[in-house]
Amino acid sequence: MEGFVDFTNRSQGRDQLFRATQYTCMLLSYLIENKADKKKLVMKLKQLESSMSSGRKMFRLGNMVHAFVAARRTAALPEMVPCLCLTASHLSRALYFVCDAVLWLRSVGLQPHIDRPKWHTWATKCYYCSLLMNLARDWYEISWRLEQAALEEKTKEKFFSQKDGEELNGVKSDGLHSFLHQLVQVLKRNPPLLLDLVKNLCDLSGPLDTLGIYKTSRGVIGFCGLLSSLVGILTLASPHLKLKQ
């Protein structure tokens, strides 16, 4: 099984390249679809987008095994919150890959009677749940680092004599600014956490639109998908930028 997981890992780079191409086509076709002289180009872009989507489904056929193995690994994490969030995320993603495989069987004509809208909705819900769990884990990491930063600030204050009244007034009048400043500093000092947060937020645009939670345009989905894909390619090319799980 570990050998199978290693094999599917090597296919992630190709999947990200296909994904980046798919969302680039979506974004470009949205930008030029209202131009009368670009109708043929728009059609070709949409066909290429569809081909990339079908190719990605084929590449992902074995990823459900990888997701179950990842869930088993994260279930052994010592910290409760990352353990619950990551395990739930991997299990939701495994169910998403199962639905994705069923949709692929229909797209290639092996199971033409499958109810595509129903399975597509299920797949989207599983993917959405996985993203929410990832974001919960990101927020846990951010909160923990913010607490550490606050402790460091309190420690420093003990070594510097300041007027208590001025210090308290500063905290009260500038609480939001101080929080945002600390948040930015935490994310700047932790590029893997920042990249993971950006990727998960960008990936939300598709499920939110599909499930009708927050409707948006193909242009926004294409831009967010392209940005997420570029982050994915970056973390694959530079593993030290990937948030550890």
Protein backbone atom coordinates (compact mmCIF):
# COMPACT_ATOMS: atom_id res chain seq x y z
CA MET A 1 0.00 0.00 0.00
CA GLU A 2 2.84 2.41 0.79
CA GLY A 3 4.26 1.80 -2.67
CA PHE A 4 0.86 2.66 -4.16
CA VAL A 5 0.75 5.87 -2.12
CA ASP A 6 4.22 6.86 -3.36
CA PHE A 7 3.04 6.34 -6.93
CA THR A 8 -0.06 8.51 -6.52
CA ASN A 9 2.10 11.17 -4.87
CA ARG A 10 4.16 11.46 -8.03
CA SER A 11 0.99 12.11 -10.05
CA GLN A 12 0.14 15.19 -7.96
CA GLY A 13 2.45 17.39 -10.04
CA ARG A 14 0.67 16.43 -13.25
CA ASP A 15 -2.71 16.98 -11.61
CA GLN A 16 -1.71 20.49 -10.52
CA LEU A 17 -0.51 21.35 -14.03
CA PHE A 18 -3.77 20.08 -15.52
CA ARG A 19 -5.68 22.00 -12.86
CA ALA A 20 -3.80 25.24 -13.58
CA THR A 21 -4.52 24.80 -17.31
CA GLN A 22 -8.19 24.06 -16.62
CA TYR A 23 -8.75 27.20 -14.56
CA THR A 24 -6.65 29.35 -16.90
CA CYS A 25 -8.98 28.32 -19.72
CA MET A 26 -12.01 29.10 -17.54
CA LEU A 27 -10.66 32.55 -16.69
CA LEU A 28 -9.66 33.42 -20.28
CA SER A 29 -12.95 32.22 -21.76
CA TYR A 30 -14.84 34.35 -19.22
CA LEU A 31 -12.77 37.44 -20.07
CA ILE A 32 -13.30 37.23 -23.83
CA GLU A 33 -16.71 35.51 -24.14
CA ASN A 34 -18.53 38.77 -24.91
CA LYS A 35 -16.26 39.62 -27.86
CA ALA A 36 -17.95 38.68 -31.14
CA ASP A 37 -14.69 37.90 -32.97
CA LYS A 38 -13.50 35.51 -30.22
CA LYS A 39 -16.34 32.96 -30.30
CA LYS A 40 -14.22 30.20 -31.85
CA LEU A 41 -11.42 30.82 -29.37
CA VAL A 42 -13.90 30.72 -26.47
CA MET A 43 -15.25 27.39 -27.74
CA LYS A 44 -11.74 25.94 -27.98
CA LEU A 45 -10.89 27.17 -24.49
CA LYS A 46 -14.03 25.56 -23.07
CA GLN A 47 -13.24 22.29 -24.86
CA LEU A 48 -9.70 22.33 -23.46
CA GLU A 49 -11.09 23.11 -20.00
CA SER A 50 -13.41 20.10 -20.26
CA SER A 51 -10.56 17.87 -21.44
CA MET A 52 -8.36 18.95 -18.53
CA SER A 53 -11.20 18.23 -16.10
CA SER A 54 -11.72 14.73 -17.53
CA GLY A 55 -7.98 14.04 -17.47
CA ARG A 56 -7.76 15.07 -13.84
CA LYS A 57 -10.59 12.71 -12.93
CA MET A 58 -8.63 9.83 -14.43
CA PHE A 59 -5.46 10.83 -12.56
CA ARG A 60 -7.43 10.93 -9.29
CA LEU A 61 -8.87 7.41 -9.55
CA GLY A 62 -6.52 5.96 -6.93
CA ASN A 63 -6.39 8.96 -4.64
CA MET A 64 -9.11 7.62 -2.35
CA VAL A 65 -6.58 5.05 -1.08
CA HIS A 66 -4.06 7.80 -0.42
CA ALA A 67 -6.71 9.80 1.48
CA PHE A 68 -7.61 6.83 3.71
CA VAL A 69 -3.91 6.22 4.46
CA ALA A 70 -3.46 9.90 5.31
CA ALA A 71 -6.51 9.75 7.62
CA ARG A 72 -5.04 6.76 9.43
CA ARG A 73 -1.77 8.65 9.89
CA THR A 74 -3.34 11.87 11.19
CA ALA A 75 -5.59 9.91 13.58
CA ALA A 76 -2.45 9.17 15.57
CA LEU A 77 -1.49 12.84 16.05
CA PRO A 78 -1.04 13.76 19.73
CA GLU A 79 -2.88 17.12 19.59
CA MET A 80 -6.65 16.74 19.60
CA VAL A 81 -7.68 19.64 17.33
CA PRO A 82 -5.25 18.93 14.46
CA CYS A 83 -6.05 15.23 14.83
CA LEU A 84 -9.81 15.75 14.48
CA CYS A 85 -9.60 18.40 11.75
CA LEU A 86 -7.08 16.61 9.55
CA THR A 87 -8.65 13.17 9.96
CA ALA A 88 -12.10 14.53 9.12
CA SER A 89 -10.61 16.41 6.16
CA HIS A 90 -8.91 13.30 4.74
CA LEU A 91 -12.01 11.14 5.20
CA SER A 92 -14.18 13.76 3.50
CA ARG A 93 -11.67 13.96 0.67
CA ALA A 94 -11.72 10.15 0.34
CA LEU A 95 -15.51 10.26 -0.07
CA TYR A 96 -15.06 13.06 -2.60
CA PHE A 97 -12.70 10.87 -4.64
CA VAL A 98 -15.26 8.03 -4.54
CA CYS A 99 -17.93 10.35 -5.96
CA ASP A 100 -15.41 11.69 -8.46
CA ALA A 101 -14.67 8.15 -9.67
CA VAL A 102 -18.39 7.50 -10.15
CA LEU A 103 -18.69 10.70 -12.21
CA TRP A 104 -15.72 9.61 -14.31
CA LEU A 105 -17.40 6.28 -15.06
CA ARG A 106 -20.41 8.20 -16.37
CA SER A 107 -18.32 10.67 -18.38
CA VAL A 108 -16.56 7.86 -20.30
CA GLY A 109 -19.84 6.03 -20.92
CA LEU A 110 -19.25 3.00 -18.70
CA GLN A 111 -22.22 3.88 -16.47
CA PRO A 112 -24.39 6.24 -18.55
CA HIS A 113 -27.45 5.92 -16.30
CA ILE A 114 -25.76 7.44 -13.23
CA ASP A 115 -27.54 10.54 -11.89
CA ARG A 116 -24.81 13.09 -12.57
CA PRO A 117 -26.35 16.12 -10.74
CA LYS A 118 -26.88 14.05 -7.56
CA TRP A 119 -23.34 12.62 -7.51
CA HIS A 120 -21.86 16.00 -8.43
CA THR A 121 -23.67 17.59 -5.47
CA TRP A 122 -22.43 14.87 -3.13
CA ALA A 123 -18.88 15.29 -4.40
CA THR A 124 -19.07 19.05 -3.91
CA LYS A 125 -20.41 18.67 -0.35
CA CYS A 126 -17.57 16.27 0.56
CA TYR A 127 -15.00 18.63 -0.93
CA TYR A 128 -16.57 21.60 0.87
CA CYS A 129 -16.46 19.73 4.20
CA SER A 130 -12.80 18.87 3.62
CA LEU A 131 -11.95 22.53 2.97
CA LEU A 132 -13.80 23.66 6.11
CA MET A 133 -11.80 21.17 8.19
CA ASN A 134 -8.57 22.41 6.62
CA LEU A 135 -9.51 26.01 7.42
CA ALA A 136 -10.38 25.03 11.00
CA ARG A 137 -6.91 23.52 11.34
CA ASP A 138 -5.35 26.68 9.83
CA TRP A 139 -7.22 28.86 12.32
CA TYR A 140 -6.09 26.64 15.18
CA GLU A 141 -2.47 27.06 14.06
CA ILE A 142 -2.92 30.83 13.71
CA SER A 143 -4.57 31.12 17.14
CA TRP A 144 -1.80 29.11 18.78
CA ARG A 145 0.86 31.32 17.21
CA LEU A 146 -1.02 34.48 18.18
CA GLU A 147 -1.10 33.27 21.79
CA GLN A 148 2.63 32.60 21.65
CA ALA A 149 3.23 36.09 20.24
CA ALA A 150 1.11 37.62 23.01
CA LEU A 151 3.11 35.74 25.66
CA GLU A 152 6.33 36.98 24.11
CA GLU A 153 5.03 40.56 24.24
CA LYS A 154 4.11 40.20 27.92
CA THR A 155 7.53 38.77 28.67
CA LYS A 156 9.22 41.71 26.97
CA GLU A 157 7.08 44.19 28.89
CA LYS A 158 8.41 42.84 32.16
CA PHE A 159 11.92 43.88 31.17
CA PHE A 160 11.01 47.40 30.09
CA SER A 161 9.60 50.04 32.40
CA GLN A 162 6.57 51.76 30.86
CA LYS A 163 3.82 53.87 32.31
CA ASP A 164 0.88 51.63 33.12
CA GLY A 165 -1.75 54.20 32.17
CA GLU A 166 -0.28 54.86 28.70
CA GLU A 167 0.16 51.15 28.08
CA LEU A 168 -3.44 50.29 28.99
CA ASN A 169 -4.85 53.18 26.93
CA GLY A 170 -2.82 52.03 23.95
CA VAL A 171 -4.21 48.51 24.20
CA LYS A 172 -7.80 49.68 24.58
CA SER A 173 -7.77 52.24 21.77
CA ASP A 174 -5.72 50.14 19.36
CA GLY A 175 -6.88 46.58 20.03
CA LEU A 176 -8.02 45.76 16.47
CA HIS A 177 -4.95 47.33 14.89
CA SER A 178 -2.71 45.41 17.28
CA PHE A 179 -4.50 42.13 16.48
CA LEU A 180 -4.22 42.66 12.72
CA HIS A 181 -0.56 43.62 13.08
CA GLN A 182 0.17 40.45 15.05
CA LEU A 183 -1.81 38.37 12.53
CA VAL A 184 0.21 39.75 9.62
CA GLN A 185 3.46 39.16 11.49
CA VAL A 186 2.48 35.58 12.33
CA LEU A 187 1.65 34.81 8.69
CA LYS A 188 4.85 36.50 7.47
CA ARG A 189 6.93 34.36 9.81
CA ASN A 190 5.13 31.18 8.72
CA PRO A 191 4.98 31.01 4.89
CA PRO A 192 3.66 27.40 4.84
CA LEU A 193 0.70 28.43 7.00
CA LEU A 194 0.04 31.50 4.84
CA LEU A 195 0.15 29.48 1.61
CA ASP A 196 -2.13 26.79 3.03
CA LEU A 197 -4.63 29.43 4.17
CA VAL A 198 -4.60 31.16 0.77
CA LYS A 199 -5.05 27.85 -1.07
CA ASN A 200 -7.97 26.72 1.09
CA LEU A 201 -9.72 30.10 0.84
CA CYS A 202 -9.31 30.15 -2.95
CA ASP A 203 -10.62 26.59 -3.25
CA LEU A 204 -13.82 27.60 -1.42
CA SER A 205 -15.09 29.69 -4.35
CA GLY A 206 -16.13 26.67 -6.43
CA PRO A 207 -18.13 24.74 -3.77
CA LEU A 208 -19.76 27.93 -2.47
CA ASP A 209 -21.03 28.70 -5.97
CA THR A 210 -22.08 25.13 -6.82
CA LEU A 211 -23.98 24.65 -3.56
CA GLY A 212 -25.67 28.05 -3.90
CA ILE A 213 -24.20 29.36 -0.65
CA TYR A 214 -22.49 32.31 -2.35
CA LYS A 215 -23.02 32.65 -6.11
CA THR A 216 -20.18 34.14 -8.10
CA SER A 217 -18.91 34.23 -11.69
CA ARG A 218 -16.78 31.83 -13.74
CA GLY A 219 -14.14 34.54 -13.80
CA VAL A 220 -13.80 34.59 -10.01
CA ILE A 221 -13.79 30.79 -9.83
CA GLY A 222 -11.20 30.63 -12.60
CA PHE A 223 -8.95 33.20 -10.94
CA CYS A 224 -9.20 31.56 -7.52
CA GLY A 225 -8.63 28.11 -9.01
CA LEU A 226 -5.57 29.30 -10.93
CA LEU A 227 -4.10 30.97 -7.83
CA SER A 228 -4.74 27.84 -5.76
CA SER A 229 -3.09 25.69 -8.45
CA LEU A 230 -0.01 27.92 -8.53
CA VAL A 231 0.28 27.63 -4.74
CA GLY A 232 -0.07 23.84 -5.08
CA ILE A 233 2.69 23.73 -7.72
CA LEU A 234 4.91 25.90 -5.52
CA THR A 235 4.50 23.66 -2.47
CA LEU A 236 5.19 20.55 -4.57
CA ALA A 237 8.33 22.12 -6.05
CA SER A 238 9.48 23.40 -2.63
CA PRO A 239 8.32 20.88 0.03
CA HIS A 240 9.57 23.12 2.85
CA LEU A 241 6.72 25.52 1.98
CA LYS A 242 4.06 22.85 2.55
CA LEU A 243 2.31 22.93 5.91
CA LYS A 244 3.20 19.78 7.83
CA GLN A 245 0.37 17.39 8.66
